[in-house]
């Protein structure tokens, strides 16, 4: 679970303290909702769809990670991944 915090940390730009709210707590005063990016599984379990001319039909039910999105897009458009990219391209060629 600490990886969610660490993957979003940038030594030059981030603050000195990282925090994560307890499960089902929100940063705002709504009675229901989601943070969309917290470390909790109910907040980051979402469908992911890639659509386009070069993309073959494929359905997967395995776990993928947010950092895989950048790696996949770099692979699709044929550019080198950024230096600190830790993701794995998701689509088969």
N, C-alpha and C. Protein backbone atom coordinates (compact mmCIF):
# COMPACT_ATOMS: atom_id res chain seq x y z
N UNK A 1 0.81 -1.21 0.00
CA UNK A 1 0.00 0.00 0.00
C UNK A 1 0.85 1.26 0.00
N UNK A 2 2.04 1.24 0.53
CA UNK A 2 2.89 2.42 0.52
C UNK A 2 3.32 2.80 -0.89
N UNK A 3 3.31 1.86 -1.83
CA UNK A 3 3.72 2.18 -3.20
C UNK A 3 2.83 3.24 -3.83
N UNK A 4 1.55 3.29 -3.47
CA UNK A 4 0.68 4.32 -4.03
C UNK A 4 1.18 5.70 -3.64
N UNK A 5 1.63 5.86 -2.42
CA UNK A 5 2.17 7.14 -1.99
C UNK A 5 3.53 7.40 -2.63
N UNK A 6 4.38 6.40 -2.62
CA UNK A 6 5.73 6.58 -3.14
C UNK A 6 5.76 6.81 -4.65
N UNK A 7 4.86 6.16 -5.39
CA UNK A 7 4.83 6.36 -6.85
C UNK A 7 4.41 7.78 -7.22
N UNK A 8 3.70 8.46 -6.34
CA UNK A 8 3.29 9.82 -6.59
C UNK A 8 4.23 10.85 -6.00
N UNK A 9 5.31 10.41 -5.40
CA UNK A 9 6.25 11.31 -4.73
C UNK A 9 7.33 11.80 -5.69
N UNK A 10 7.59 13.10 -5.65
CA UNK A 10 8.66 13.69 -6.44
C UNK A 10 9.54 14.49 -5.49
N UNK A 11 10.79 14.12 -5.37
CA UNK A 11 11.70 14.71 -4.39
C UNK A 11 11.77 16.24 -4.52
N UNK A 12 11.73 16.75 -5.74
CA UNK A 12 11.85 18.19 -5.95
C UNK A 12 10.54 18.94 -5.73
N UNK A 13 9.40 18.25 -5.90
CA UNK A 13 8.12 18.96 -5.88
C UNK A 13 7.21 18.60 -4.71
N UNK A 14 7.37 17.42 -4.13
CA UNK A 14 6.47 16.98 -3.07
C UNK A 14 6.85 17.59 -1.73
N UNK A 15 5.91 17.59 -0.83
CA UNK A 15 6.15 18.12 0.51
C UNK A 15 6.94 17.15 1.37
N UNK A 16 7.11 17.51 2.62
CA UNK A 16 7.89 16.69 3.55
C UNK A 16 7.07 15.59 4.20
N UNK A 17 5.76 15.69 4.12
CA UNK A 17 4.89 14.72 4.78
C UNK A 17 3.93 14.11 3.77
N UNK A 18 3.79 12.79 3.79
CA UNK A 18 2.81 12.09 2.97
C UNK A 18 1.75 11.53 3.91
N UNK A 19 0.49 11.59 3.50
CA UNK A 19 -0.56 11.04 4.36
C UNK A 19 -1.59 10.31 3.52
N UNK A 20 -2.29 9.43 4.18
CA UNK A 20 -3.36 8.69 3.54
C UNK A 20 -4.51 8.59 4.54
N UNK A 21 -5.71 8.90 4.09
CA UNK A 21 -6.86 8.83 4.98
C UNK A 21 -7.24 7.39 5.27
N UNK A 22 -7.91 7.18 6.40
CA UNK A 22 -8.41 5.85 6.73
C UNK A 22 -9.45 5.44 5.68
N UNK A 23 -9.68 4.16 5.58
CA UNK A 23 -10.68 3.65 4.64
C UNK A 23 -12.02 4.33 4.84
N UNK A 24 -12.65 4.69 3.75
CA UNK A 24 -13.99 5.28 3.69
C UNK A 24 -14.09 6.70 4.26
N UNK A 25 -12.96 7.35 4.51
CA UNK A 25 -12.96 8.76 4.89
C UNK A 25 -12.71 9.58 3.63
N UNK A 26 -13.36 10.73 3.54
CA UNK A 26 -13.22 11.60 2.38
C UNK A 26 -12.62 12.93 2.79
N UNK A 27 -11.96 13.60 1.86
CA UNK A 27 -11.37 14.91 2.13
C UNK A 27 -12.40 16.03 2.04
N UNK A 28 -13.59 15.75 1.63
CA UNK A 28 -14.61 16.77 1.49
C UNK A 28 -15.86 16.33 2.22
N UNK A 29 -16.83 17.19 2.31
CA UNK A 29 -17.98 16.94 3.18
C UNK A 29 -19.16 16.27 2.49
N UNK A 30 -18.92 15.41 1.55
CA UNK A 30 -20.01 14.63 0.95
C UNK A 30 -20.24 13.39 1.81
N UNK A 31 -21.43 12.86 1.74
CA UNK A 31 -21.72 11.65 2.51
C UNK A 31 -21.25 10.39 1.80
N UNK A 32 -21.14 10.45 0.48
CA UNK A 32 -20.67 9.31 -0.30
C UNK A 32 -19.73 9.81 -1.38
N UNK A 33 -18.90 8.92 -1.86
CA UNK A 33 -18.02 9.31 -2.94
C UNK A 33 -16.74 8.51 -2.92
N UNK A 34 -15.81 8.94 -3.73
CA UNK A 34 -14.52 8.26 -3.83
C UNK A 34 -13.45 9.32 -4.07
N UNK A 35 -12.23 8.96 -3.77
CA UNK A 35 -11.11 9.86 -3.97
C UNK A 35 -10.49 9.69 -5.35
N UNK A 36 -10.67 8.53 -5.98
CA UNK A 36 -10.09 8.22 -7.28
C UNK A 36 -8.57 8.42 -7.29
N UNK A 37 -7.92 7.55 -6.60
CA UNK A 37 -6.46 7.62 -6.56
C UNK A 37 -5.90 7.33 -5.19
N UNK A 38 -6.76 7.07 -4.24
CA UNK A 38 -6.25 6.72 -2.92
C UNK A 38 -5.68 5.29 -2.97
N UNK A 39 -5.06 4.87 -1.91
CA UNK A 39 -4.45 3.54 -1.87
C UNK A 39 -5.48 2.44 -1.65
N UNK A 40 -6.72 2.79 -1.37
CA UNK A 40 -7.75 1.81 -1.05
C UNK A 40 -8.32 1.19 -2.33
N UNK A 41 -8.51 -0.12 -2.32
CA UNK A 41 -8.93 -0.86 -3.52
C UNK A 41 -10.27 -0.36 -4.07
N UNK A 42 -11.18 0.06 -3.22
CA UNK A 42 -12.48 0.52 -3.70
C UNK A 42 -12.35 1.84 -4.48
N UNK A 43 -11.24 2.53 -4.33
CA UNK A 43 -11.03 3.79 -5.03
C UNK A 43 -10.26 3.66 -6.33
N UNK A 44 -9.57 2.57 -6.52
CA UNK A 44 -8.74 2.48 -7.73
C UNK A 44 -9.04 1.26 -8.57
N UNK A 45 -10.13 0.60 -8.32
CA UNK A 45 -10.55 -0.54 -9.13
C UNK A 45 -11.55 0.00 -10.17
N UNK A 46 -11.04 0.24 -11.37
CA UNK A 46 -11.87 0.85 -12.41
C UNK A 46 -11.67 0.13 -13.74
N UNK A 47 -12.64 0.23 -14.64
CA UNK A 47 -12.43 -0.35 -15.97
C UNK A 47 -11.46 0.51 -16.76
N UNK A 48 -10.70 -0.13 -17.61
CA UNK A 48 -9.73 0.57 -18.45
C UNK A 48 -9.94 0.11 -19.88
N UNK A 49 -10.14 1.05 -20.79
CA UNK A 49 -10.43 0.72 -22.18
C UNK A 49 -9.48 1.51 -23.09
N UNK A 50 -8.82 0.80 -23.99
CA UNK A 50 -8.04 1.43 -25.06
C UNK A 50 -8.78 1.17 -26.35
N UNK A 51 -8.95 2.18 -27.15
CA UNK A 51 -9.73 2.06 -28.38
C UNK A 51 -9.00 2.80 -29.49
N UNK A 52 -8.90 2.18 -30.65
CA UNK A 52 -8.28 2.86 -31.77
C UNK A 52 -7.91 1.92 -32.89
N UNK A 53 -7.40 2.49 -33.95
CA UNK A 53 -7.09 1.76 -35.18
C UNK A 53 -6.05 0.67 -34.98
N UNK A 54 -5.00 0.92 -34.21
CA UNK A 54 -3.91 -0.04 -34.05
C UNK A 54 -4.12 -0.99 -32.88
N UNK A 55 -5.27 -0.92 -32.24
CA UNK A 55 -5.50 -1.72 -31.05
C UNK A 55 -6.37 -2.93 -31.37
N UNK A 56 -5.84 -4.11 -31.09
CA UNK A 56 -6.57 -5.35 -31.33
C UNK A 56 -7.54 -5.62 -30.19
N UNK A 57 -8.65 -6.26 -30.52
CA UNK A 57 -9.64 -6.61 -29.52
C UNK A 57 -9.04 -7.58 -28.50
N UNK A 58 -9.25 -7.29 -27.25
CA UNK A 58 -8.72 -8.14 -26.19
C UNK A 58 -9.50 -7.83 -24.91
N UNK A 59 -9.86 -8.85 -24.18
CA UNK A 59 -10.48 -8.68 -22.87
C UNK A 59 -9.57 -9.31 -21.83
N UNK A 60 -9.29 -8.56 -20.80
CA UNK A 60 -8.41 -9.07 -19.74
C UNK A 60 -9.08 -8.84 -18.39
N UNK A 61 -8.84 -9.75 -17.49
CA UNK A 61 -9.36 -9.61 -16.14
C UNK A 61 -8.24 -9.60 -15.11
N UNK A 62 -7.01 -9.53 -15.57
CA UNK A 62 -5.89 -9.51 -14.62
C UNK A 62 -5.69 -8.09 -14.09
N UNK A 63 -4.95 -7.99 -13.01
CA UNK A 63 -4.71 -6.71 -12.38
C UNK A 63 -3.65 -5.93 -13.15
N UNK A 64 -3.96 -4.68 -13.44
CA UNK A 64 -2.99 -3.78 -14.06
C UNK A 64 -2.87 -2.56 -13.16
N UNK A 65 -1.87 -1.75 -13.41
CA UNK A 65 -1.58 -0.64 -12.51
C UNK A 65 -1.63 0.68 -13.23
N UNK A 66 -1.87 1.74 -12.50
CA UNK A 66 -1.99 3.07 -13.07
C UNK A 66 -0.74 3.43 -13.88
N UNK A 67 0.42 3.07 -13.38
CA UNK A 67 1.67 3.41 -14.08
C UNK A 67 1.80 2.68 -15.41
N UNK A 68 1.01 1.62 -15.64
CA UNK A 68 1.03 0.90 -16.91
C UNK A 68 0.38 1.71 -18.04
N UNK A 69 -0.46 2.68 -17.69
CA UNK A 69 -1.14 3.48 -18.71
C UNK A 69 -0.13 4.30 -19.52
N UNK A 70 0.79 4.99 -18.84
CA UNK A 70 1.80 5.79 -19.55
C UNK A 70 2.68 4.90 -20.42
N UNK A 71 3.09 3.75 -19.88
CA UNK A 71 3.93 2.82 -20.66
C UNK A 71 3.19 2.33 -21.90
N UNK A 72 1.91 2.07 -21.78
CA UNK A 72 1.11 1.59 -22.90
C UNK A 72 0.96 2.66 -23.97
N UNK A 73 0.68 3.88 -23.56
CA UNK A 73 0.53 4.96 -24.53
C UNK A 73 1.84 5.24 -25.25
N UNK A 74 2.95 5.22 -24.53
CA UNK A 74 4.27 5.40 -25.17
C UNK A 74 4.50 4.31 -26.21
N UNK A 75 4.15 3.09 -25.86
CA UNK A 75 4.32 1.96 -26.77
C UNK A 75 3.42 2.14 -28.01
N UNK A 76 2.19 2.58 -27.81
CA UNK A 76 1.25 2.76 -28.92
C UNK A 76 1.72 3.81 -29.92
N UNK A 77 2.26 4.90 -29.41
CA UNK A 77 2.66 5.97 -30.33
C UNK A 77 4.13 5.89 -30.73
N UNK A 78 4.82 4.87 -30.22
CA UNK A 78 6.18 4.60 -30.67
C UNK A 78 7.25 5.52 -30.13
N UNK A 79 7.08 5.96 -28.89
CA UNK A 79 8.12 6.79 -28.28
C UNK A 79 8.71 6.07 -27.07
N UNK A 80 9.88 6.51 -26.66
CA UNK A 80 10.55 5.93 -25.51
C UNK A 80 9.83 6.36 -24.24
N UNK A 81 9.73 5.44 -23.31
CA UNK A 81 9.11 5.76 -22.03
C UNK A 81 9.97 6.76 -21.27
N UNK A 82 9.34 7.62 -20.46
CA UNK A 82 10.13 8.54 -19.63
C UNK A 82 11.09 7.76 -18.73
N UNK A 83 12.17 8.39 -18.35
CA UNK A 83 13.22 7.75 -17.57
C UNK A 83 12.71 7.03 -16.33
N UNK A 84 11.82 7.66 -15.59
CA UNK A 84 11.34 7.08 -14.34
C UNK A 84 10.08 6.23 -14.49
N UNK A 85 9.67 5.93 -15.70
CA UNK A 85 8.47 5.14 -15.93
C UNK A 85 8.71 3.70 -15.47
N UNK A 86 7.83 3.20 -14.61
CA UNK A 86 7.99 1.84 -14.10
C UNK A 86 6.89 0.91 -14.62
N UNK A 87 6.03 1.44 -15.50
CA UNK A 87 4.92 0.66 -16.01
C UNK A 87 5.33 -0.33 -17.09
N UNK A 88 4.42 -1.24 -17.39
CA UNK A 88 4.61 -2.26 -18.41
C UNK A 88 3.53 -2.07 -19.47
N UNK A 89 3.90 -1.99 -20.77
CA UNK A 89 2.86 -1.86 -21.81
C UNK A 89 1.85 -3.02 -21.73
N UNK A 90 0.58 -2.70 -21.85
CA UNK A 90 -0.47 -3.69 -21.64
C UNK A 90 -0.95 -4.39 -22.90
N UNK A 91 -0.74 -3.80 -24.05
CA UNK A 91 -1.34 -4.34 -25.27
C UNK A 91 -0.35 -5.23 -26.02
N UNK A 92 -0.90 -6.31 -26.58
CA UNK A 92 -0.09 -7.22 -27.40
C UNK A 92 0.02 -6.64 -28.79
N UNK A 93 1.16 -6.83 -29.41
CA UNK A 93 1.34 -6.33 -30.78
C UNK A 93 1.14 -7.42 -31.78
